[in-house]
Amino acid sequence: MSHVLLVSPSFHGYWRSIADALGRAGHEVTTYAYDSLTSRKAKVRHKLVHELPKQFGYDPTAAIARDFTRGAVEVLTSTKPEVVFTIKGDQLGAAYWDAVASSGARRITWFYDELRRMHHSQALLAEIGPLASYSALDCAALSQQGIAMTYVPLAFDQYVAQPIRQPSVDEVVFIGARYPKRTADLTALHQAGVPVRAYGHFWSRHLADRARTFQWSRPEFPTGRELSRKAAYELQSQATAALNIHGDQDGFTMRTFEVCGMGGLQLCDRTDVSGLYDPERELAVFESVDQLIELAQRARADRIWAESLREAGRARTLAEHTFDHRISALESLWA
């Protein structure tokens, strides 16, 4: 087994799940969350130097890249890993990728976002492989350009929390960022009389969340503050149903695997989820607002149907869609 340096965004702590799975596979793991602001001083500085000026037209991309790249290069140089495993890395500058190349380590880069939302040039993508992505469309597009990228979807961490088998929250819940399609779907449910609630700092009415997002307006339906991963996992297990609304994404979100993995009843807006789950047996799919309302109402009324999807979805997840499964696939690429 190998000494792996995992270089990742801090996004909701998913790097910990990846690191833990690497450890269970027998690797020695060093982690570096390159955008982690661990002190109050660092958070205040980032807010004042980068986020606040952005509201007035300043583009902080280059300055942020310099800050993040410096730390990543220092860790890489000091740890001397055998494998460098980079997640996204789109906020890291050329000095980081040069350091990876000169280190002599094997490497892999895994994207859990679409390339169009990142800052990687085609020339860089051709150099930093092996590449893997949760986006099947990106994999196909790069293949046509002669750049190999392997489709590796996201996953569920079965060690974060245990399912709460009896639903006890009489609400359809959504946990995630606030986008127009998500707001519209939740508003439609609310107006149809279905109890709903959305969680996250862009939804929350708390003064601190309004300040940190530089947004005052909030939707008409009930909302809550951002949840820890453990609390989010448990809520999706307890709720009447959990929404998985993608919007402008072709890769499947972490929620796709987490809701089912926790034994939750997932209402998903993507018919192509059939490549991962059985829409008739393991989760429910909607293609219109009317279908969504119908499914949400059925989730409240038909407990036998709901429980059958919960059980089958969890079984499928544990059999095929954990981080341990994904690490096994990724290991084969850097070997």
Protein backbone atom coordinates (compact mmCIF):
# COMPACT_ATOMS: atom_id res chain seq x y z
CA MET A 1 0.00 0.00 0.00
CA SER A 2 1.01 3.63 -0.45
CA HIS A 3 1.49 6.90 1.37
CA VAL A 4 -1.25 9.08 -0.15
CA LEU A 5 -1.47 12.86 0.09
CA LEU A 6 -5.12 13.86 -0.29
CA VAL A 7 -5.45 17.49 -1.40
CA SER A 8 -9.09 18.56 -1.37
CA PRO A 9 -11.56 21.38 -0.86
CA SER A 10 -13.04 21.41 2.64
CA PHE A 11 -16.59 21.21 1.17
CA HIS A 12 -18.80 19.76 3.95
CA GLY A 13 -15.97 17.54 5.17
CA TYR A 14 -16.22 15.02 2.34
CA TRP A 15 -12.43 14.83 2.28
CA ARG A 16 -12.67 13.03 5.62
CA SER A 17 -14.85 10.30 4.10
CA ILE A 18 -12.40 9.89 1.23
CA ALA A 19 -9.42 9.80 3.61
CA ASP A 20 -11.14 7.26 5.86
CA ALA A 21 -11.91 5.01 2.88
CA LEU A 22 -8.28 5.25 1.77
CA GLY A 23 -7.24 4.24 5.27
CA ARG A 24 -9.59 1.26 5.27
CA ALA A 25 -8.00 0.22 1.98
CA GLY A 26 -4.66 0.06 3.79
CA HIS A 27 -3.06 3.34 2.73
CA GLU A 28 -1.21 5.79 4.94
CA VAL A 29 -3.01 9.09 4.38
CA THR A 30 -1.97 12.71 4.85
CA THR A 31 -4.73 15.26 4.22
CA TYR A 32 -4.71 18.90 3.23
CA ALA A 33 -7.98 20.81 2.81
CA TYR A 34 -6.63 23.65 0.73
CA ASP A 35 -9.46 26.13 1.27
CA SER A 36 -9.96 25.38 4.96
CA LEU A 37 -10.11 28.53 7.08
CA THR A 38 -9.41 27.03 10.47
CA SER A 39 -9.06 30.16 12.58
CA ARG A 40 -11.39 33.08 13.17
CA LYS A 41 -8.65 35.40 11.94
CA ALA A 42 -8.36 33.50 8.66
CA LYS A 43 -12.14 33.52 8.16
CA VAL A 44 -12.43 37.25 8.82
CA ARG A 45 -9.49 37.98 6.51
CA HIS A 46 -11.02 35.88 3.70
CA LYS A 47 -14.37 37.61 4.11
CA LEU A 48 -12.86 41.12 4.07
CA VAL A 49 -10.12 40.59 1.49
CA HIS A 50 -11.92 38.34 -0.99
CA GLU A 51 -15.67 37.93 -0.47
CA LEU A 52 -16.70 41.49 0.38
CA PRO A 53 -14.80 43.15 -2.52
CA LYS A 54 -16.37 40.57 -4.88
CA GLN A 55 -19.74 42.19 -4.18
CA PHE A 56 -18.38 45.37 -5.79
CA GLY A 57 -17.00 43.77 -8.95
CA TYR A 58 -13.54 42.66 -7.82
CA ASP A 59 -12.50 39.20 -9.09
CA PRO A 60 -10.62 37.46 -6.25
CA THR A 61 -9.82 34.27 -8.20
CA ALA A 62 -6.11 34.93 -8.71
CA ALA A 63 -5.50 36.13 -5.15
CA ILE A 64 -7.33 33.13 -3.67
CA ALA A 65 -5.33 30.77 -5.89
CA ARG A 66 -2.06 32.25 -4.61
CA ASP A 67 -3.10 31.77 -0.98
CA PHE A 68 -4.31 28.19 -1.46
CA THR A 69 -1.44 27.13 -3.75
CA ARG A 70 1.25 28.22 -1.34
CA GLY A 71 -0.03 25.95 1.42
CA ALA A 72 -0.60 22.97 -0.88
CA VAL A 73 2.93 23.13 -2.25
CA GLU A 74 4.39 23.34 1.26
CA VAL A 75 2.52 20.21 2.36
CA LEU A 76 3.45 18.31 -0.79
CA THR A 77 7.12 19.22 -0.43
CA SER A 78 7.27 18.30 3.26
CA THR A 79 5.38 15.00 3.14
CA LYS A 80 6.97 13.41 0.03
CA PRO A 81 3.99 11.13 -0.75
CA GLU A 82 3.96 8.18 -3.13
CA VAL A 83 0.54 9.17 -4.48
CA VAL A 84 -0.99 12.65 -4.79
CA PHE A 85 -4.79 12.45 -4.87
CA THR A 86 -6.31 15.82 -5.80
CA ILE A 87 -10.01 16.59 -5.52
CA LYS A 88 -11.05 19.33 -7.98
CA GLY A 89 -7.94 21.49 -7.50
CA ASP A 90 -9.41 24.28 -9.59
CA GLN A 91 -8.41 26.90 -7.02
CA LEU A 92 -4.79 25.79 -7.13
CA GLY A 93 -2.29 27.50 -9.41
CA ALA A 94 0.35 26.22 -11.80
CA ALA A 95 2.97 26.02 -9.03
CA TYR A 96 0.97 23.24 -7.38
CA TRP A 97 0.68 21.12 -10.52
CA ASP A 98 4.36 21.71 -11.28
CA ALA A 99 5.23 20.50 -7.78
CA VAL A 100 3.10 17.38 -8.26
CA ALA A 101 4.84 16.61 -11.55
CA SER A 102 8.34 17.16 -10.16
CA SER A 103 7.64 15.09 -7.01
CA GLY A 104 7.75 11.83 -8.96
CA ALA A 105 4.63 10.63 -7.15
CA ARG A 106 1.83 8.78 -8.89
CA ARG A 107 -1.23 10.95 -9.09
CA ILE A 108 -4.95 11.11 -9.72
CA THR A 109 -7.46 13.96 -9.96
CA TRP A 110 -11.16 13.43 -9.18
CA PHE A 111 -13.78 16.06 -10.01
CA TYR A 112 -17.12 16.32 -8.23
CA ASP A 113 -18.16 19.33 -10.27
CA GLU A 114 -18.63 20.03 -13.97
CA LEU A 115 -15.59 21.30 -15.85
CA ARG A 116 -17.52 24.35 -17.06
CA ARG A 117 -17.68 25.58 -13.47
CA MET A 118 -13.95 25.18 -12.87
CA HIS A 119 -10.84 26.93 -14.12
CA HIS A 120 -8.84 24.08 -15.67
CA SER A 121 -7.56 24.61 -19.19
CA GLN A 122 -7.63 21.78 -21.70
CA ALA A 123 -3.82 21.85 -21.76
CA LEU A 124 -3.68 21.33 -18.00
CA LEU A 125 -6.23 18.52 -18.11
CA ALA A 126 -4.06 16.72 -20.65
CA GLU A 127 -1.15 16.84 -18.18
CA ILE A 128 -2.58 16.07 -14.72
CA GLY A 129 -4.17 12.67 -15.30
CA PRO A 130 -5.26 10.06 -14.62
CA LEU A 131 -8.58 11.92 -14.39
CA ALA A 132 -11.92 10.84 -12.97
CA SER A 133 -15.21 12.71 -12.77
CA TYR A 134 -18.76 12.38 -11.50
CA SER A 135 -19.89 13.87 -14.84
CA ALA A 136 -20.47 11.29 -17.55
CA LEU A 137 -20.90 14.10 -20.08
CA ASP A 138 -17.50 15.59 -19.23
CA CYS A 139 -15.91 12.15 -19.57
CA ALA A 140 -17.43 11.72 -23.03
CA ALA A 141 -16.50 15.24 -24.14
CA LEU A 142 -12.86 14.89 -23.09
CA SER A 143 -12.64 11.47 -24.71
CA GLN A 144 -13.59 13.05 -28.02
CA GLN A 145 -10.69 15.47 -27.53
CA GLY A 146 -8.26 12.62 -26.88
CA ILE A 147 -8.06 13.10 -23.10
CA ALA A 148 -8.96 10.07 -20.99
CA MET A 149 -11.32 10.63 -18.05
CA THR A 150 -13.02 7.83 -16.12
CA TYR A 151 -16.59 8.12 -14.83
CA VAL A 152 -16.58 7.64 -11.05
CA PRO A 153 -19.79 8.85 -9.36
CA LEU A 154 -20.06 10.19 -5.82
CA ALA A 155 -20.88 8.06 -2.81
CA PHE A 156 -22.31 7.46 0.66
CA ASP A 157 -20.31 7.28 3.89
CA GLN A 158 -21.98 4.59 5.97
CA TYR A 159 -19.93 5.55 9.03
CA VAL A 160 -21.23 9.11 9.50
CA ALA A 161 -24.57 8.15 11.08
CA GLN A 162 -26.95 5.26 11.52
CA PRO A 163 -30.44 5.31 9.95
CA ILE A 164 -33.39 6.23 12.14
CA ARG A 165 -35.85 3.66 10.95
CA GLN A 166 -39.14 5.29 11.91
CA PRO A 167 -39.87 8.54 10.03
CA SER A 168 -40.63 11.17 12.68
CA VAL A 169 -40.38 14.47 10.78
CA ASP A 170 -43.62 15.16 8.90
CA GLU A 171 -41.93 17.29 6.25
CA VAL A 172 -40.43 16.90 2.82
CA VAL A 173 -36.92 18.27 3.27
CA PHE A 174 -34.26 19.69 1.01
CA ILE A 175 -30.64 20.18 2.07
CA GLY A 176 -28.31 22.08 -0.22
CA ALA A 177 -27.60 25.29 -2.10
CA ARG A 178 -30.35 27.63 -3.19
CA TYR A 179 -30.97 27.71 -6.96
CA PRO A 180 -34.05 28.95 -8.86
CA LYS A 181 -35.33 25.48 -9.81
CA ARG A 182 -35.04 24.29 -6.24
CA THR A 183 -36.85 27.36 -4.95
CA ALA A 184 -39.62 26.92 -7.53
CA ASP A 185 -40.18 23.23 -6.73
CA LEU A 186 -40.24 23.80 -2.98
CA THR A 187 -42.59 26.75 -3.38
CA ALA A 188 -44.97 24.60 -5.46
CA LEU A 189 -45.03 21.92 -2.75
CA HIS A 190 -45.66 24.53 -0.08
CA GLN A 191 -48.50 26.08 -2.04
CA ALA A 192 -50.01 22.62 -2.55
CA GLY A 193 -50.19 22.16 1.21
CA VAL A 194 -47.25 19.74 1.56
CA PRO A 195 -45.12 20.50 4.65
CA VAL A 196 -41.63 21.38 3.38
CA ARG A 197 -38.43 22.84 4.77
CA ALA A 198 -35.10 23.73 3.15
CA TYR A 199 -31.81 23.81 5.06
CA GLY A 200 -28.64 25.81 4.37
CA HIS A 201 -27.21 29.27 4.89
CA PHE A 202 -28.68 30.60 1.63
CA TRP A 203 -32.15 29.54 2.83
CA SER A 204 -31.87 30.43 6.50
CA ARG A 205 -33.58 33.51 7.92
CA HIS A 206 -30.99 33.84 10.68
CA LEU A 207 -29.34 37.26 10.67
CA ALA A 208 -25.85 35.75 10.61
CA ASP A 209 -26.68 33.70 7.50
CA ARG A 210 -28.20 36.68 5.74
CA ALA A 211 -25.03 38.64 6.49
CA ARG A 212 -22.61 35.93 5.36
CA THR A 213 -24.50 35.41 2.08
CA PHE A 214 -24.97 39.12 1.39
CA GLN A 215 -28.65 38.32 0.73
CA TRP A 216 -31.68 39.44 2.73
CA SER A 217 -34.58 37.91 0.80
CA ARG A 218 -35.79 34.43 1.63
CA PRO A 219 -38.55 32.18 0.18
CA GLU A 220 -42.03 31.96 1.66
CA PHE A 221 -41.79 28.37 2.91
CA PRO A 222 -40.10 27.23 6.17
CA THR A 223 -36.31 27.09 6.22
CA GLY A 224 -33.54 26.11 8.61
CA ARG A 225 -29.86 26.79 9.17
CA GLU A 226 -27.02 24.75 7.70
CA LEU A 227 -26.72 21.28 9.23
CA SER A 228 -23.69 19.19 10.05
CA ARG A 229 -23.25 16.14 7.82
CA LYS A 230 -24.37 13.85 10.63
CA ALA A 231 -27.48 15.90 11.30
CA ALA A 232 -28.24 16.10 7.56
CA TYR A 233 -27.87 12.34 7.20
CA GLU A 234 -30.19 11.71 10.15
CA LEU A 235 -32.80 14.21 9.01
CA GLN A 236 -33.02 12.58 5.59
CA SER A 237 -33.61 9.27 7.34
CA GLN A 238 -36.36 10.73 9.57
CA ALA A 239 -38.20 12.95 7.07
CA THR A 240 -41.31 11.97 5.15
CA ALA A 241 -39.17 12.32 2.01
CA ALA A 242 -35.98 14.07 0.93
CA LEU A 243 -35.73 16.03 -2.30
CA ASN A 244 -32.81 15.68 -4.68
CA ILE A 245 -33.08 18.56 -7.17
CA HIS A 246 -30.10 19.04 -9.44
CA GLY A 247 -30.76 21.97 -11.73
CA ASP A 248 -27.74 22.80 -13.90
CA GLN A 249 -25.80 19.61 -13.17
CA ASP A 250 -25.33 16.40 -15.10
CA GLY A 251 -23.36 14.61 -12.40
CA PHE A 252 -25.36 13.17 -9.50
CA THR A 253 -25.03 14.95 -6.16
CA MET A 254 -23.87 13.40 -2.91
CA ARG A 255 -27.50 13.51 -1.77
CA THR A 256 -28.35 10.90 -4.42
CA PHE A 257 -26.42 8.32 -2.42
CA GLU A 258 -26.87 9.74 1.07
CA VAL A 259 -30.67 9.78 1.11
CA CYS A 260 -30.91 6.18 -0.07
CA GLY A 261 -27.93 5.13 2.04
CA MET A 262 -29.66 6.42 5.17
CA GLY A 263 -32.86 4.58 4.34
CA GLY A 264 -34.59 7.80 3.32
CA LEU A 265 -37.28 8.14 0.69
CA GLN A 266 -35.67 10.05 -2.18
CA LEU A 267 -37.65 12.14 -4.67
CA CYS A 268 -35.22 12.76 -7.55
CA ASP A 269 -35.60 15.03 -10.57
CA ARG A 270 -33.48 12.91 -12.94
CA THR A 271 -34.76 9.98 -14.99
CA ASP A 272 -31.18 9.02 -15.86
CA VAL A 273 -30.65 8.06 -12.22
CA SER A 274 -31.72 4.64 -13.53
CA GLY A 275 -28.04 4.00 -14.20
CA LEU A 276 -27.50 3.98 -10.43
CA TYR A 277 -30.87 3.08 -8.86
CA ASP A 278 -34.14 1.49 -9.91
CA PRO A 279 -36.71 4.34 -10.05
CA GLU A 280 -39.56 1.90 -9.61
CA ARG A 281 -38.17 0.14 -6.58
CA GLU A 282 -35.38 2.11 -4.83
CA LEU A 283 -36.36 5.77 -5.17
CA ALA A 284 -39.02 7.90 -6.87
CA VAL A 285 -38.45 10.11 -9.92
CA PHE A 286 -40.46 13.15 -11.01
CA GLU A 287 -40.38 14.99 -14.34
CA SER A 288 -42.82 17.79 -13.52
CA VAL A 289 -44.06 19.81 -10.58
CA ASP A 290 -47.38 17.97 -10.68
CA GLN A 291 -45.57 14.62 -10.41
CA LEU A 292 -43.49 15.95 -7.52
CA ILE A 293 -46.61 17.04 -5.62
CA GLU A 294 -48.25 13.67 -6.26
CA LEU A 295 -45.21 11.76 -5.02
CA ALA A 296 -44.84 13.95 -1.93
CA GLN A 297 -48.49 13.40 -1.05
CA ARG A 298 -48.13 9.66 -1.59
CA ALA A 299 -45.05 9.60 0.66
CA ARG A 300 -47.21 10.95 3.49
CA ALA A 301 -50.16 8.64 2.83
CA ASP A 302 -48.71 5.32 1.62
CA ARG A 303 -46.28 4.14 4.28
CA ILE A 304 -45.98 0.61 2.85
CA TRP A 305 -44.84 1.98 -0.51
CA ALA A 306 -42.49 4.44 1.15
CA GLU A 307 -40.91 1.80 3.38
CA SER A 308 -40.32 -0.55 0.46
CA LEU A 309 -38.34 2.15 -1.39
CA ARG A 310 -36.43 3.04 1.76
CA GLU A 311 -35.29 -0.54 2.36
CA ALA A 312 -34.40 -1.28 -1.25
CA GLY A 313 -32.57 2.01 -1.74
CA ARG A 314 -30.42 1.47 1.34
CA ALA A 315 -29.56 -2.10 0.33
CA ARG A 316 -28.50 -0.98 -3.16
CA THR A 317 -26.36 1.82 -1.74
CA LEU A 318 -24.48 -0.40 0.70
CA ALA A 319 -23.91 -2.97 -2.04
CA GLU A 320 -22.62 -0.58 -4.71
CA HIS A 321 -22.35 3.09 -3.78
CA THR A 322 -20.12 3.65 -0.74
CA PHE A 323 -16.83 5.53 -0.64
CA ASP A 324 -15.11 2.17 -0.23
CA HIS A 325 -16.46 1.18 -3.65
CA ARG A 326 -15.23 4.45 -5.18
CA ILE A 327 -11.74 4.20 -3.71
CA SER A 328 -11.42 0.71 -5.16
CA ALA A 329 -12.22 2.14 -8.61
CA LEU A 330 -9.84 5.09 -8.21
CA GLU A 331 -6.96 2.94 -6.94
CA SER A 332 -7.00 1.02 -10.20
CA LEU A 333 -6.33 4.25 -12.09
CA TRP A 334 -3.18 5.28 -10.25
CA ALA A 335 -1.75 1.77 -9.85
